[in-house]
Amino acid sequence: MTATTDGRYAPGAVLTAQDVADLIDHALLKPDLTPRQVAEGIEEVAACDVWSVCVRPSDVADAARRLQGRYTRVCTVIGFPHGTTSTASKVAESITALEDGAVELDMVLNVGRLLGGDLDTVFDDIGSVVKVARSAGALVKVILETTLLDDAAIVAGCRAAEQAGADFVKTSTGFAGGGATLPDVALMRRTVSPRVQVKASGGVRDLPAALAMVAVGATRLGTSSSTQIVQEARAAEAEEALVVPADPADLLAHARDDAQGSGY
């Protein structure tokens, strides 16, 4: 067995390139992407058989048409990138996204409410989106925006997300000046139960970074470097060198400021 009880790969696990592709939600979220660029991006990563492509809400219907009958799924974002839209708006956005063909929703929680200690509002906000997603058999990932939070707020956000029924907690939007860090991913993994998975997003740009995130508990990766990562994984697999780092404690020696950085 290579997986632990919470579904992640154990340190020292030998992976296949497809295992790595199955970790990836490819991000096509920059506001200036043209329809042609989005279409080209979808085709590129679908050829790599990544798990999903995460597109802007306005691109969901087209992505679903392009990916019909193919391996790669459609993911989108809700309340993105700030999380400050009303719960009613997030619910409406979720309903439309699901009707358009999304099967996974990455919602941004209300960061200001979290930092202000209004956990009831944070819980209700997440739970309202989860309820809509459940009715359609879709998954919900809750984006915490960890670069804006201290450890106590990360823990509080993770607990609210789990209590509200979310399937994943996720580090970042990639648009707030910071991305996933090894300490934050490890803290999130320790905080949630095995039922909830962890997505690392922002700055995961190559295979070593991807495997480091997996070693400390990530089971999904948000990145726009999917093709590069899968190509590197195929090369490593051919050399029988595609292995999850065996000593996460060494990886955790990296300080937050030395982490992978912002952006997808």
C-alpha atoms as a PDB file:
ATOM      1  CA  MET A   1       0.000   0.000   0.000  1.00  0.00           C
ATOM      2  CA  THR A   2       1.328   3.449  -0.889  1.00  0.00           C
ATOM      3  CA  ALA A   3      -1.510   5.552   0.513  1.00  0.00           C
ATOM      4  CA  THR A   4      -2.069   6.539   4.133  1.00  0.00           C
ATOM      5  CA  THR A   5      -5.444   6.433   5.858  1.00  0.00           C
ATOM      6  CA  ASP A   6      -6.231  10.019   4.755  1.00  0.00           C
ATOM      7  CA  GLY A   7      -5.795   9.128   1.074  1.00  0.00           C
ATOM      8  CA  ARG A   8      -2.422  10.755   0.490  1.00  0.00           C
ATOM      9  CA  TYR A   9       0.695   9.039  -0.743  1.00  0.00           C
ATOM     10  CA  ALA A  10       3.053   7.888   1.973  1.00  0.00           C
ATOM     11  CA  PRO A  11       6.611   9.251   1.988  1.00  0.00           C
ATOM     12  CA  GLY A  12       8.771   6.891  -0.042  1.00  0.00           C
ATOM     13  CA  ALA A  13       5.876   5.824  -2.265  1.00  0.00           C
ATOM     14  CA  VAL A  14       6.774   5.059  -5.867  1.00  0.00           C
ATOM     15  CA  LEU A  15       4.385   6.809  -8.252  1.00  0.00           C
ATOM     16  CA  THR A  16       3.477   6.602 -11.901  1.00  0.00           C
ATOM     17  CA  ALA A  17       3.251   9.611 -14.173  1.00  0.00           C
ATOM     18  CA  GLN A  18      -0.519   9.117 -14.235  1.00  0.00           C
ATOM     19  CA  ASP A  19      -0.574   9.236 -10.434  1.00  0.00           C
ATOM     20  CA  VAL A  20       1.002  12.682 -10.715  1.00  0.00           C
ATOM     21  CA  ALA A  21      -1.423  13.780 -13.447  1.00  0.00           C
ATOM     22  CA  ASP A  22      -4.281  12.698 -11.176  1.00  0.00           C
ATOM     23  CA  LEU A  23      -3.086  15.186  -8.558  1.00  0.00           C
ATOM     24  CA  ILE A  24      -3.465  18.164 -10.868  1.00  0.00           C
ATOM     25  CA  ASP A  25      -6.193  20.766 -11.262  1.00  0.00           C
ATOM     26  CA  HIS A  26      -4.837  22.811 -14.158  1.00  0.00           C
ATOM     27  CA  ALA A  27      -5.553  26.520 -13.612  1.00  0.00           C
ATOM     28  CA  LEU A  28      -6.820  28.732 -16.434  1.00  0.00           C
ATOM     29  CA  LEU A  29      -7.879  31.629 -14.233  1.00  0.00           C
ATOM     30  CA  LYS A  30      -5.963  34.732 -15.284  1.00  0.00           C
ATOM     31  CA  PRO A  31      -8.427  37.502 -16.114  1.00  0.00           C
ATOM     32  CA  ASP A  32      -6.773  38.389 -19.436  1.00  0.00           C
ATOM     33  CA  LEU A  33      -6.975  34.922 -21.012  1.00  0.00           C
ATOM     34  CA  THR A  34      -8.801  35.077 -24.336  1.00  0.00           C
ATOM     35  CA  PRO A  35     -11.322  32.407 -25.389  1.00  0.00           C
ATOM     36  CA  ARG A  36      -8.732  31.051 -27.820  1.00  0.00           C
ATOM     37  CA  GLN A  37      -6.097  30.803 -25.088  1.00  0.00           C
ATOM     38  CA  VAL A  38      -8.537  29.016 -22.796  1.00  0.00           C
ATOM     39  CA  ALA A  39      -9.462  26.551 -25.537  1.00  0.00           C
ATOM     40  CA  GLU A  40      -5.812  25.883 -26.332  1.00  0.00           C
ATOM     41  CA  GLY A  41      -5.036  25.403 -22.643  1.00  0.00           C
ATOM     42  CA  ILE A  42      -7.870  22.928 -22.234  1.00  0.00           C
ATOM     43  CA  GLU A  43      -6.681  20.878 -25.209  1.00  0.00           C
ATOM     44  CA  GLU A  44      -3.087  20.916 -24.004  1.00  0.00           C
ATOM     45  CA  VAL A  45      -3.776  19.549 -20.545  1.00  0.00           C
ATOM     46  CA  ALA A  46      -6.511  17.161 -21.667  1.00  0.00           C
ATOM     47  CA  ALA A  47      -3.810  15.516 -23.776  1.00  0.00           C
ATOM     48  CA  CYS A  48      -1.888  14.947 -20.527  1.00  0.00           C
ATOM     49  CA  ASP A  49      -4.927  13.387 -18.797  1.00  0.00           C
ATOM     50  CA  VAL A  50      -4.726  15.650 -15.766  1.00  0.00           C
ATOM     51  CA  TRP A  51      -7.519  15.241 -13.235  1.00  0.00           C
ATOM     52  CA  SER A  52      -9.294  18.513 -13.972  1.00  0.00           C
ATOM     53  CA  VAL A  53      -9.043  21.902 -15.590  1.00  0.00           C
ATOM     54  CA  CYS A  54     -10.110  24.789 -13.362  1.00  0.00           C
ATOM     55  CA  VAL A  55     -11.597  27.557 -15.486  1.00  0.00           C
ATOM     56  CA  ARG A  56     -13.336  30.855 -14.858  1.00  0.00           C
ATOM     57  CA  PRO A  57     -17.117  30.583 -14.431  1.00  0.00           C
ATOM     58  CA  SER A  58     -17.752  32.140 -17.846  1.00  0.00           C
ATOM     59  CA  ASP A  59     -15.664  29.381 -19.468  1.00  0.00           C
ATOM     60  CA  VAL A  60     -17.348  26.378 -17.827  1.00  0.00           C
ATOM     61  CA  ALA A  61     -19.895  25.569 -20.515  1.00  0.00           C
ATOM     62  CA  ASP A  62     -17.302  25.655 -23.292  1.00  0.00           C
ATOM     63  CA  ALA A  63     -14.859  23.586 -21.232  1.00  0.00           C
ATOM     64  CA  ALA A  64     -17.554  20.982 -20.571  1.00  0.00           C
ATOM     65  CA  ARG A  65     -18.284  20.716 -24.300  1.00  0.00           C
ATOM     66  CA  ARG A  66     -14.626  20.327 -25.177  1.00  0.00           C
ATOM     67  CA  LEU A  67     -14.020  17.702 -22.508  1.00  0.00           C
ATOM     68  CA  GLN A  68     -17.141  15.622 -23.050  1.00  0.00           C
ATOM     69  CA  GLY A  69     -16.162  11.957 -23.156  1.00  0.00           C
ATOM     70  CA  ARG A  70     -12.563  12.687 -22.153  1.00  0.00           C
ATOM     71  CA  TYR A  71     -10.683  11.899 -18.961  1.00  0.00           C
ATOM     72  CA  THR A  72     -10.171  15.447 -17.664  1.00  0.00           C
ATOM     73  CA  ARG A  73     -12.997  16.962 -15.595  1.00  0.00           C
ATOM     74  CA  VAL A  74     -14.251  20.538 -15.279  1.00  0.00           C
ATOM     75  CA  CYS A  75     -13.622  22.564 -12.131  1.00  0.00           C
ATOM     76  CA  THR A  76     -14.420  26.223 -11.546  1.00  0.00           C
ATOM     77  CA  VAL A  77     -14.080  28.925  -8.909  1.00  0.00           C
ATOM     78  CA  ILE A  78     -16.770  30.535  -6.757  1.00  0.00           C
ATOM     79  CA  GLY A  79     -16.514  33.971  -5.120  1.00  0.00           C
ATOM     80  CA  PHE A  80     -13.129  34.301  -6.774  1.00  0.00           C
ATOM     81  CA  PRO A  81     -10.644  35.749  -6.021  1.00  0.00           C
ATOM     82  CA  HIS A  82     -11.576  37.682  -2.862  1.00  0.00           C
ATOM     83  CA  GLY A  83     -14.400  35.648  -1.305  1.00  0.00           C
ATOM     84  CA  THR A  84     -16.296  38.813  -0.420  1.00  0.00           C
ATOM     85  CA  THR A  85     -19.397  38.280  -2.554  1.00  0.00           C
ATOM     86  CA  SER A  86     -22.577  37.506  -0.645  1.00  0.00           C
ATOM     87  CA  THR A  87     -23.560  33.956   0.162  1.00  0.00           C
ATOM     88  CA  ALA A  88     -26.561  34.346  -2.133  1.00  0.00           C
ATOM     89  CA  SER A  89     -24.233  35.320  -4.968  1.00  0.00           C
ATOM     90  CA  LYS A  90     -21.985  32.324  -4.296  1.00  0.00           C
ATOM     91  CA  VAL A  91     -24.989  30.009  -4.307  1.00  0.00           C
ATOM     92  CA  ALA A  92     -26.272  31.448  -7.590  1.00  0.00           C
ATOM     93  CA  GLU A  93     -22.810  31.198  -9.121  1.00  0.00           C
ATOM     94  CA  SER A  94     -22.556  27.581  -7.967  1.00  0.00           C
ATOM     95  CA  ILE A  95     -25.929  26.631  -9.434  1.00  0.00           C
ATOM     96  CA  THR A  96     -25.004  28.107 -12.807  1.00  0.00           C
ATOM     97  CA  ALA A  97     -21.581  26.460 -12.813  1.00  0.00           C
ATOM     98  CA  LEU A  98     -23.054  23.050 -12.065  1.00  0.00           C
ATOM     99  CA  GLU A  99     -25.716  23.451 -14.729  1.00  0.00           C
ATOM    100  CA  ASP A 100     -22.967  24.419 -17.196  1.00  0.00           C
ATOM    101  CA  GLY A 101     -21.029  21.223 -16.469  1.00  0.00           C
ATOM    102  CA  ALA A 102     -18.632  21.798 -13.565  1.00  0.00           C
ATOM    103  CA  VAL A 103     -18.175  18.842 -11.228  1.00  0.00           C
ATOM    104  CA  GLU A 104     -15.840  20.509  -8.702  1.00  0.00           C
ATOM    105  CA  LEU A 105     -16.202  23.958  -7.100  1.00  0.00           C
ATOM    106  CA  ASP A 106     -13.278  25.849  -5.541  1.00  0.00           C
ATOM    107  CA  MET A 107     -14.899  28.532  -3.367  1.00  0.00           C
ATOM    108  CA  VAL A 108     -13.114  31.341  -1.562  1.00  0.00           C
ATOM    109  CA  LEU A 109     -14.269  31.720   2.011  1.00  0.00           C
ATOM    110  CA  ASN A 110     -14.896  35.187   3.409  1.00  0.00           C
ATOM    111  CA  VAL A 111     -11.401  35.987   4.648  1.00  0.00           C
ATOM    112  CA  GLY A 112     -12.373  39.200   6.443  1.00  0.00           C
ATOM    113  CA  ARG A 113     -15.110  37.435   8.380  1.00  0.00           C
ATOM    114  CA  LEU A 114     -12.672  34.666   9.311  1.00  0.00           C
ATOM    115  CA  LEU A 115     -10.085  37.159  10.541  1.00  0.00           C
ATOM    116  CA  GLY A 116     -12.807  39.035  12.418  1.00  0.00           C
ATOM    117  CA  GLY A 117     -13.803  35.887  14.287  1.00  0.00           C
ATOM    118  CA  ASP A 118     -17.260  35.628  12.710  1.00  0.00           C
ATOM    119  CA  LEU A 119     -17.067  31.872  12.277  1.00  0.00           C
ATOM    120  CA  ASP A 120     -20.838  31.415  12.138  1.00  0.00           C
ATOM    121  CA  THR A 121     -20.968  33.454   8.938  1.00  0.00           C
ATOM    122  CA  VAL A 122     -17.971  31.608   7.509  1.00  0.00           C
ATOM    123  CA  PHE A 123     -19.631  28.269   8.309  1.00  0.00           C
ATOM    124  CA  ASP A 124     -22.967  29.284   6.793  1.00  0.00           C
ATOM    125  CA  ASP A 125     -21.282  30.665   3.668  1.00  0.00           C
ATOM    126  CA  ILE A 126     -19.427  27.411   3.034  1.00  0.00           C
ATOM    127  CA  GLY A 127     -22.362  25.227   3.994  1.00  0.00           C
ATOM    128  CA  SER A 128     -24.663  26.965   1.536  1.00  0.00           C
ATOM    129  CA  VAL A 129     -22.332  26.164  -1.362  1.00  0.00           C
ATOM    130  CA  VAL A 130     -21.800  22.617  -0.111  1.00  0.00           C
ATOM    131  CA  LYS A 131     -25.563  22.042  -0.054  1.00  0.00           C
ATOM    132  CA  VAL A 132     -25.880  23.064  -3.704  1.00  0.00           C
ATOM    133  CA  ALA A 133     -22.895  20.950  -4.713  1.00  0.00           C
ATOM    134  CA  ARG A 134     -24.173  17.874  -2.877  1.00  0.00           C
ATOM    135  CA  SER A 135     -27.445  18.002  -4.780  1.00  0.00           C
ATOM    136  CA  ALA A 136     -25.438  17.668  -7.995  1.00  0.00           C
ATOM    137  CA  GLY A 137     -22.861  15.155  -6.729  1.00  0.00           C
ATOM    138  CA  ALA A 138     -20.078  17.743  -6.995  1.00  0.00           C
ATOM    139  CA  LEU A 139     -17.063  18.341  -4.757  1.00  0.00           C
ATOM    140  CA  VAL A 140     -16.298  21.547  -2.869  1.00  0.00           C
ATOM    141  CA  LYS A 141     -12.813  22.851  -2.099  1.00  0.00           C
ATOM    142  CA  VAL A 142     -12.593  25.798   0.290  1.00  0.00           C
ATOM    143  CA  ILE A 143      -9.838  28.319  -0.440  1.00  0.00           C
ATOM    144  CA  LEU A 144      -8.448  29.829   2.759  1.00  0.00           C
ATOM    145  CA  GLU A 145      -5.954  32.304   1.229  1.00  0.00           C
ATOM    146  CA  THR A 146      -3.289  31.234   3.693  1.00  0.00           C
ATOM    147  CA  THR A 147      -0.875  34.041   2.822  1.00  0.00           C
ATOM    148  CA  LEU A 148      -3.270  36.416   4.634  1.00  0.00           C
ATOM    149  CA  LEU A 149      -3.673  34.204   7.712  1.00  0.00           C
ATOM    150  CA  ASP A 150      -1.692  33.225  10.772  1.00  0.00           C
ATOM    151  CA  ASP A 151      -1.687  29.643  11.996  1.00  0.00           C
ATOM    152  CA  ALA A 152      -4.655  30.142  14.320  1.00  0.00           C
ATOM    153  CA  ALA A 153      -6.771  31.515  11.482  1.00  0.00           C
ATOM    154  CA  ILE A 154      -5.714  28.662   9.179  1.00  0.00           C
ATOM    155  CA  VAL A 155      -6.825  26.175  11.818  1.00  0.00           C
ATOM    156  CA  ALA A 156     -10.123  27.996  12.350  1.00  0.00           C
ATOM    157  CA  GLY A 157     -10.787  28.141   8.606  1.00  0.00           C
ATOM    158  CA  CYS A 158     -10.016  24.455   8.164  1.00  0.00           C
ATOM    159  CA  ARG A 159     -12.322  23.485  11.013  1.00  0.00           C
ATOM    160  CA  ALA A 160     -15.164  25.638   9.699  1.00  0.00           C
ATOM    161  CA  ALA A 161     -14.758  24.114   6.233  1.00  0.00           C
ATOM    162  CA  GLU A 162     -14.830  20.569   7.572  1.00  0.00           C
ATOM    163  CA  GLN A 163     -17.793  21.221   9.849  1.00  0.00           C
ATOM    164  CA  ALA A 164     -19.669  22.718   6.883  1.00  0.00           C
ATOM    165  CA  GLY A 165     -19.108  19.541   4.863  1.00  0.00           C
ATOM    166  CA  ALA A 166     -16.391  20.595   2.421  1.00  0.00           C
ATOM    167  CA  ASP A 167     -14.374  17.907   0.664  1.00  0.00           C
ATOM    168  CA  PHE A 168     -11.072  19.806   0.532  1.00  0.00           C
ATOM    169  CA  VAL A 169      -9.333  22.730   2.113  1.00  0.00           C
ATOM    170  CA  LYS A 170      -7.128  24.670  -0.288  1.00  0.00           C
ATOM    171  CA  THR A 171      -4.277  27.066   0.368  1.00  0.00           C
ATOM    172  CA  SER A 172      -4.575  29.906  -2.095  1.00  0.00           C
ATOM    173  CA  THR A 173      -6.127  31.644  -5.055  1.00  0.00           C
ATOM    174  CA  GLY A 174      -2.699  32.474  -6.464  1.00  0.00           C
ATOM    175  CA  PHE A 175      -3.751  36.125  -6.709  1.00  0.00           C
ATOM    176  CA  ALA A 176      -3.074  37.473  -3.207  1.00  0.00           C
ATOM    177  CA  GLY A 177       0.683  37.833  -3.327  1.00  0.00           C
ATOM    178  CA  GLY A 178       1.554  34.408  -1.955  1.00  0.00           C
ATOM    179  CA  GLY A 179       1.016  30.739  -2.647  1.00  0.00           C
ATOM    180  CA  ALA A 180       1.221  27.343  -1.028  1.00  0.00           C
ATOM    181  CA  THR A 181       3.944  26.716   1.537  1.00  0.00           C
ATOM    182  CA  LEU A 182       5.066  23.433   3.019  1.00  0.00           C
ATOM    183  CA  PRO A 183       4.358  24.491   6.628  1.00  0.00           C
ATOM    184  CA  ASP A 184       0.852  25.658   5.766  1.00  0.00           C
ATOM    185  CA  VAL A 185      -0.011  22.481   3.860  1.00  0.00           C
ATOM    186  CA  ALA A 186       1.298  20.364   6.740  1.00  0.00           C
ATOM    187  CA  LEU A 187      -0.718  22.398   9.266  1.00  0.00           C
ATOM    188  CA  MET A 188      -3.875  22.009   7.196  1.00  0.00           C
ATOM    189  CA  ARG A 189      -3.329  18.253   6.927  1.00  0.00           C
ATOM    190  CA  ARG A 190      -2.895  17.966  10.696  1.00  0.00           C
ATOM    191  CA  THR A 191      -6.003  20.045  11.357  1.00  0.00           C
ATOM    192  CA  VAL A 192      -8.599  18.259   9.234  1.00  0.00           C
ATOM    193  CA  SER A 193      -9.736  14.660   9.600  1.00  0.00           C
ATOM    194  CA  PRO A 194      -8.941  11.946   7.034  1.00  0.00           C
ATOM    195  CA  ARG A 195     -12.314  12.679   5.394  1.00  0.00           C
ATOM    196  CA  VAL A 196     -11.074  16.060   4.167  1.00  0.00           C
ATOM    197  CA  GLN A 197      -8.275  16.397   1.625  1.00  0.00           C
ATOM    198  CA  VAL A 198      -5.790  19.230   1.105  1.00  0.00           C
ATOM    199  CA  LYS A 199      -5.109  21.127  -2.122  1.00  0.00           C
ATOM    200  CA  ALA A 200      -1.888  23.111  -2.532  1.00  0.00           C
ATOM    201  CA  SER A 201      -2.161  25.967  -5.022  1.00  0.00           C
ATOM    202  CA  GLY A 202       0.075  28.832  -5.969  1.00  0.00           C
ATOM    203  CA  GLY A 203       3.715  28.453  -6.975  1.00  0.00           C
ATOM    204  CA  VAL A 204       3.741  24.688  -7.667  1.00  0.00           C
ATOM    205  CA  ARG A 205       5.655  24.958 -10.912  1.00  0.00           C
ATOM    206  CA  ASP A 206       7.756  21.806 -11.245  1.00  0.00           C
ATOM    207  CA  LEU A 207       7.883  18.150 -10.201  1.00  0.00           C
ATOM    208  CA  PRO A 208      10.104  18.624  -7.120  1.00  0.00           C
ATOM    209  CA  ALA A 209       7.713  21.259  -5.759  1.00  0.00           C
ATOM    210  CA  ALA A 210       4.737  19.013  -6.516  1.00  0.00           C
ATOM    211  CA  LEU A 211       6.265  16.019  -4.749  1.00  0.00           C
ATOM    212  CA  ALA A 212       7.250  18.145  -1.759  1.00  0.00           C
ATOM    213  CA  MET A 213       3.641  19.247  -1.351  1.00  0.00           C
ATOM    214  CA  VAL A 214       2.482  15.636  -1.618  1.00  0.00           C
ATOM    215  CA  ALA A 215       5.007  14.584   1.020  1.00  0.00           C
ATOM    216  CA  VAL A 216       3.477  16.935   3.591  1.00  0.00           C
ATOM    217  CA  GLY A 217      -0.112  16.012   2.854  1.00  0.00           C
ATOM    218  CA  ALA A 218      -1.459  17.516  -0.373  1.00  0.00           C
ATOM    219  CA  THR A 219      -3.619  15.243  -2.505  1.00  0.00           C
ATOM    220  CA  ARG A 220      -4.449  17.843  -5.140  1.00  0.00           C
ATOM    221  CA  LEU A 221      -2.314  20.545  -6.758  1.00  0.00           C
ATOM    222  CA  GLY A 222      -3.442  23.748  -8.435  1.00  0.00           C
ATOM    223  CA  THR A 223      -0.971  24.803 -11.101  1.00  0.00           C
ATOM    224  CA  SER A 224      -0.636  26.281 -14.559  1.00  0.00           C
ATOM    225  CA  SER A 225       2.580  24.295 -15.099  1.00  0.00           C
ATOM    226  CA  SER A 226       0.766  21.003 -15.602  1.00  0.00           C
ATOM    227  CA  THR A 227       2.395  20.001 -18.886  1.00  0.00           C
ATOM    228  CA  GLN A 228       5.874  20.585 -17.495  1.00  0.00           C
ATOM    229  CA  ILE A 229       5.126  18.635 -14.329  1.00  0.00           C
ATOM    230  CA  VAL A 230       3.637  15.676 -16.214  1.00  0.00           C
ATOM    231  CA  GLN A 231       6.543  15.623 -18.657  1.00  0.00           C
ATOM    232  CA  GLU A 232       9.004  15.650 -15.769  1.00  0.00           C
ATOM    233  CA  ALA A 233       7.018  12.865 -14.104  1.00  0.00           C
ATOM    234  CA  ARG A 234       7.154  10.730 -17.243  1.00  0.00           C
ATOM    235  CA  ALA A 235      10.915  11.194 -17.442  1.00  0.00           C
ATOM    236  CA  ALA A 236      11.329  10.325 -13.759  1.00  0.00           C
ATOM    237  CA  GLU A 237       9.094   7.274 -14.136  1.00  0.00           C
ATOM    238  CA  ALA A 238      11.219   6.044 -17.029  1.00  0.00           C
ATOM    239  CA  GLU A 239      14.269   6.313 -14.785  1.00  0.00           C
ATOM    240  CA  GLU A 240      12.435   4.617 -11.879  1.00  0.00           C
ATOM    241  CA  ALA A 241      12.971   7.794  -9.863  1.00  0.00           C
ATOM    242  CA  LEU A 242       9.418   9.026  -9.318  1.00  0.00           C
ATOM    243  CA  VAL A 243       9.266   8.832  -5.534  1.00  0.00           C
ATOM    244  CA  VAL A 244       7.564  10.916  -2.851  1.00  0.00           C
ATOM    245  CA  PRO A 245      10.326  12.429  -0.675  1.00  0.00           C
ATOM    246  CA  ALA A 246      10.811  10.182   2.317  1.00  0.00           C
ATOM    247  CA  ASP A 247      11.588  12.776   4.982  1.00  0.00           C
ATOM    248  CA  PRO A 248       8.937  15.514   5.193  1.00  0.00           C
ATOM    249  CA  ALA A 249      10.618  16.811   8.361  1.00  0.00           C
ATOM    250  CA  ASP A 250      13.508  18.068   6.248  1.00  0.00           C
ATOM    251  CA  LEU A 251      11.101  19.786   3.893  1.00  0.00           C
ATOM    252  CA  LEU A 252       9.366  21.509   6.792  1.00  0.00           C
ATOM    253  CA  ALA A 253      12.633  23.274   7.627  1.00  0.00           C
ATOM    254  CA  HIS A 254      11.762  25.768   4.875  1.00  0.00           C
ATOM    255  CA  ALA A 255      10.424  29.022   6.286  1.00  0.00           C
ATOM    256  CA  ARG A 256       7.206  30.519   4.984  1.00  0.00           C
ATOM    257  CA  ASP A 257       9.138  33.270   3.182  1.00  0.00           C
ATOM    258  CA  ASP A 258      11.216  30.664   1.352  1.00  0.00           C
ATOM    259  CA  ALA A 259       8.209  28.820  -0.048  1.00  0.00           C
ATOM    260  CA  GLN A 260       7.185  28.407  -3.659  1.00  0.00           C
ATOM    261  CA  GLY A 261       5.764  31.895  -4.059  1.00  0.00           C
ATOM    262  CA  SER A 262       2.690  33.481  -5.567  1.00  0.00           C
ATOM    263  CA  GLY A 263       0.814  32.869  -8.783  1.00  0.00           C
ATOM    264  CA  TYR A 264      -0.174  29.711 -10.574  1.00  0.00           C
END
